N, C-alpha and C. Protein backbone atom coordinates (compact mmCIF):
# COMPACT_ATOMS: atom_id res chain seq x y z
N MET A 1 97.03 81.65 112.62
CA MET A 1 97.11 82.15 111.27
C MET A 1 95.88 81.66 110.51
N ARG A 2 95.26 82.56 109.79
CA ARG A 2 94.08 82.20 109.01
C ARG A 2 94.48 81.45 107.74
N LYS A 3 93.56 80.66 107.27
CA LYS A 3 93.83 79.82 106.09
C LYS A 3 93.13 80.32 104.84
N ARG A 4 92.60 81.56 104.85
CA ARG A 4 91.81 82.03 103.73
C ARG A 4 92.63 82.16 102.44
N GLY A 5 93.89 82.53 102.53
CA GLY A 5 94.72 82.65 101.33
C GLY A 5 94.97 81.30 100.68
N VAL A 6 95.25 80.30 101.50
CA VAL A 6 95.50 78.96 100.97
C VAL A 6 94.23 78.41 100.33
N ILE A 7 93.08 78.64 100.98
CA ILE A 7 91.81 78.15 100.43
C ILE A 7 91.52 78.81 99.09
N LEU A 8 91.76 80.09 98.99
CA LEU A 8 91.51 80.79 97.72
C LEU A 8 92.46 80.33 96.62
N ILE A 9 93.69 80.10 96.95
CA ILE A 9 94.65 79.60 95.96
C ILE A 9 94.25 78.19 95.51
N LEU A 10 93.83 77.34 96.45
CA LEU A 10 93.40 75.99 96.08
C LEU A 10 92.11 76.01 95.27
N ALA A 11 91.28 77.02 95.47
CA ALA A 11 90.04 77.12 94.69
C ALA A 11 90.32 77.45 93.23
N THR A 12 91.47 78.02 92.93
CA THR A 12 91.80 78.36 91.55
C THR A 12 92.44 77.20 90.78
N VAL A 13 92.76 76.12 91.46
CA VAL A 13 93.42 74.98 90.80
C VAL A 13 92.57 74.40 89.66
N PRO A 14 91.25 74.20 89.83
CA PRO A 14 90.47 73.70 88.68
C PRO A 14 90.47 74.66 87.49
N ALA A 15 90.49 75.95 87.76
CA ALA A 15 90.53 76.92 86.66
C ALA A 15 91.86 76.81 85.92
N TRP A 16 92.96 76.67 86.64
CA TRP A 16 94.26 76.50 85.98
C TRP A 16 94.30 75.20 85.19
N ALA A 17 93.69 74.13 85.74
CA ALA A 17 93.66 72.86 85.01
C ALA A 17 92.86 73.00 83.72
N TYR A 18 91.73 73.71 83.76
CA TYR A 18 90.92 73.94 82.56
C TYR A 18 91.70 74.75 81.53
N ILE A 19 92.39 75.77 81.97
CA ILE A 19 93.16 76.61 81.05
C ILE A 19 94.25 75.79 80.35
N LEU A 20 94.97 74.98 81.13
CA LEU A 20 96.02 74.16 80.54
C LEU A 20 95.46 73.12 79.58
N TRP A 21 94.33 72.51 79.95
CA TRP A 21 93.73 71.49 79.10
C TRP A 21 93.25 72.08 77.78
N VAL A 22 92.53 73.20 77.83
CA VAL A 22 92.02 73.83 76.61
C VAL A 22 93.18 74.29 75.74
N SER A 23 94.17 74.90 76.35
CA SER A 23 95.32 75.37 75.58
C SER A 23 96.04 74.21 74.89
N TYR A 24 96.20 73.10 75.59
CA TYR A 24 96.85 71.94 75.00
C TYR A 24 96.03 71.36 73.85
N GLN A 25 94.72 71.23 74.05
CA GLN A 25 93.86 70.66 73.02
C GLN A 25 93.81 71.52 71.77
N VAL A 26 93.76 72.83 71.96
CA VAL A 26 93.68 73.72 70.80
C VAL A 26 95.01 73.76 70.05
N ARG A 27 96.09 73.83 70.76
CA ARG A 27 97.40 73.89 70.09
C ARG A 27 97.75 72.57 69.40
N LYS A 28 97.13 71.48 69.84
CA LYS A 28 97.35 70.19 69.21
C LYS A 28 96.63 70.08 67.86
N SER A 29 95.60 70.91 67.67
CA SER A 29 94.83 70.85 66.44
C SER A 29 95.60 71.50 65.28
N GLY A 30 94.99 71.48 64.11
CA GLY A 30 95.66 71.98 62.91
C GLY A 30 95.90 73.49 62.92
N PHE A 31 95.00 74.25 63.53
CA PHE A 31 95.12 75.70 63.54
C PHE A 31 95.49 76.22 64.93
N GLY A 32 96.22 75.47 65.68
CA GLY A 32 96.57 75.84 67.04
C GLY A 32 97.44 77.08 67.15
N TYR A 33 98.22 77.35 66.13
CA TYR A 33 99.10 78.52 66.19
C TYR A 33 98.31 79.82 66.09
N GLU A 34 97.03 79.76 65.67
CA GLU A 34 96.20 80.96 65.57
C GLU A 34 95.35 81.18 66.82
N PHE A 35 95.54 80.40 67.85
CA PHE A 35 94.73 80.50 69.05
C PHE A 35 94.95 81.86 69.72
N GLY A 36 93.87 82.61 69.89
CA GLY A 36 93.95 83.92 70.52
C GLY A 36 94.16 85.05 69.54
N SER A 37 94.25 84.76 68.26
CA SER A 37 94.43 85.82 67.27
C SER A 37 93.07 86.25 66.72
N ALA A 38 93.08 87.14 65.74
CA ALA A 38 91.83 87.59 65.13
C ALA A 38 91.16 86.46 64.36
N ALA A 39 91.95 85.54 63.83
CA ALA A 39 91.38 84.43 63.06
C ALA A 39 90.74 83.39 63.97
N GLY A 40 91.26 83.21 65.15
CA GLY A 40 90.73 82.23 66.09
C GLY A 40 90.66 82.79 67.49
N PRO A 41 89.68 83.65 67.78
CA PRO A 41 89.63 84.27 69.11
C PRO A 41 89.35 83.24 70.20
N THR A 42 89.78 83.56 71.39
CA THR A 42 89.58 82.64 72.51
C THR A 42 88.13 82.65 72.93
N PRO A 43 87.61 81.50 73.38
CA PRO A 43 86.22 81.44 73.84
C PRO A 43 86.04 82.23 75.13
N LEU A 44 84.80 82.64 75.39
CA LEU A 44 84.49 83.44 76.57
C LEU A 44 84.79 82.65 77.84
N SER A 45 84.49 81.36 77.85
CA SER A 45 84.74 80.55 79.05
C SER A 45 86.24 80.49 79.37
N PHE A 46 87.06 80.46 78.33
CA PHE A 46 88.51 80.44 78.54
C PHE A 46 88.98 81.76 79.13
N ARG A 47 88.45 82.88 78.61
CA ARG A 47 88.84 84.19 79.14
C ARG A 47 88.37 84.38 80.57
N LEU A 48 87.14 83.92 80.89
CA LEU A 48 86.64 84.04 82.25
C LEU A 48 87.44 83.18 83.22
N ALA A 49 87.76 81.96 82.81
CA ALA A 49 88.57 81.08 83.66
C ALA A 49 89.96 81.65 83.87
N SER A 50 90.52 82.27 82.83
CA SER A 50 91.84 82.88 82.96
C SER A 50 91.81 84.05 83.94
N GLY A 51 90.79 84.88 83.84
CA GLY A 51 90.66 86.02 84.75
C GLY A 51 90.46 85.57 86.18
N PHE A 52 89.58 84.57 86.40
CA PHE A 52 89.36 84.05 87.75
C PHE A 52 90.63 83.45 88.32
N ALA A 53 91.32 82.66 87.52
CA ALA A 53 92.54 82.01 88.01
C ALA A 53 93.62 83.04 88.34
N LEU A 54 93.78 84.02 87.49
CA LEU A 54 94.81 85.03 87.72
C LEU A 54 94.51 85.88 88.95
N PHE A 55 93.30 86.45 89.00
CA PHE A 55 92.97 87.31 90.13
C PHE A 55 92.79 86.52 91.42
N GLY A 56 92.27 85.31 91.33
CA GLY A 56 92.13 84.48 92.53
C GLY A 56 93.48 84.12 93.13
N THR A 57 94.43 83.78 92.28
CA THR A 57 95.77 83.47 92.76
C THR A 57 96.44 84.71 93.33
N LEU A 58 96.28 85.84 92.68
CA LEU A 58 96.86 87.09 93.16
C LEU A 58 96.28 87.50 94.52
N ILE A 59 94.97 87.48 94.64
CA ILE A 59 94.33 87.85 95.90
C ILE A 59 94.64 86.83 96.99
N GLY A 60 94.67 85.54 96.64
CA GLY A 60 95.01 84.50 97.62
C GLY A 60 96.43 84.66 98.13
N THR A 61 97.36 84.98 97.25
CA THR A 61 98.74 85.20 97.67
C THR A 61 98.85 86.43 98.56
N THR A 62 98.09 87.48 98.23
CA THR A 62 98.09 88.69 99.05
C THR A 62 97.54 88.40 100.44
N PHE A 63 96.41 87.67 100.50
CA PHE A 63 95.84 87.29 101.80
C PHE A 63 96.83 86.46 102.60
N LEU A 64 97.49 85.54 101.92
CA LEU A 64 98.45 84.68 102.59
C LEU A 64 99.61 85.48 103.18
N LEU A 65 100.12 86.45 102.44
CA LEU A 65 101.21 87.29 102.94
C LEU A 65 100.76 88.18 104.10
N PHE A 66 99.58 88.80 103.97
CA PHE A 66 99.07 89.63 105.06
C PHE A 66 98.83 88.82 106.33
N ASP A 67 98.22 87.64 106.18
CA ASP A 67 97.97 86.80 107.35
C ASP A 67 99.26 86.32 107.97
N PHE A 68 100.25 86.01 107.15
CA PHE A 68 101.53 85.56 107.69
C PHE A 68 102.22 86.67 108.48
N THR A 69 102.18 87.90 107.96
CA THR A 69 102.82 88.99 108.69
C THR A 69 102.08 89.30 109.98
N ARG A 70 100.73 89.22 109.97
CA ARG A 70 99.97 89.41 111.21
C ARG A 70 100.32 88.32 112.22
N TRP A 71 100.43 87.08 111.74
CA TRP A 71 100.74 85.97 112.63
C TRP A 71 102.18 86.10 113.16
N LYS A 72 103.09 86.52 112.31
CA LYS A 72 104.49 86.66 112.71
C LYS A 72 104.66 87.77 113.74
N ASN A 73 103.89 88.86 113.60
CA ASN A 73 103.98 89.97 114.55
C ASN A 73 103.16 89.74 115.81
N GLY A 74 102.43 88.64 115.88
CA GLY A 74 101.66 88.32 117.07
C GLY A 74 100.35 89.06 117.19
N LEU A 75 99.81 89.59 116.12
CA LEU A 75 98.56 90.34 116.18
C LEU A 75 97.33 89.45 116.12
N ASP A 76 97.49 88.17 115.82
CA ASP A 76 96.34 87.26 115.73
C ASP A 76 95.90 86.75 117.09
N ASN A 77 96.76 86.77 118.08
CA ASN A 77 96.43 86.23 119.39
C ASN A 77 96.07 87.38 120.33
N PRO A 78 94.78 87.57 120.66
CA PRO A 78 94.40 88.71 121.51
C PRO A 78 94.92 88.57 122.94
N LYS A 79 95.12 87.36 123.43
CA LYS A 79 95.63 87.18 124.79
C LYS A 79 97.09 87.59 124.90
N LYS A 80 97.80 87.49 123.82
CA LYS A 80 99.22 87.83 123.82
C LYS A 80 99.42 89.35 123.88
N ASN A 81 98.46 90.12 123.37
CA ASN A 81 98.61 91.56 123.28
C ASN A 81 98.04 92.32 124.48
N THR A 82 97.39 91.64 125.40
CA THR A 82 96.81 92.33 126.54
C THR A 82 97.88 92.54 127.61
N PRO A 83 97.87 93.70 128.26
CA PRO A 83 98.86 93.94 129.31
C PRO A 83 98.55 93.12 130.56
N ALA A 84 99.55 92.83 131.31
CA ALA A 84 99.37 92.05 132.54
C ALA A 84 98.69 92.93 133.59
N PRO A 85 97.80 92.35 134.42
CA PRO A 85 97.10 93.15 135.45
C PRO A 85 97.97 93.56 136.61
């Protein structure tokens, strides 16, 4: 079974940590309730990190499911699928 899905999901962990940290810091401030509104729009880095984290986790989960089904059906092992001579 390939590990590409797990690697991609683990690569998004720093982005999720950044999103949680920024969200916590902003909401702790005096105008935190306006975060993401017209009065206090979200910074570009926050939006980019959110997009990377969301799509990276989604694609990583998809890769993980596809690889698991290939592994479960035995399509990953070429020796297993060859007919006996």
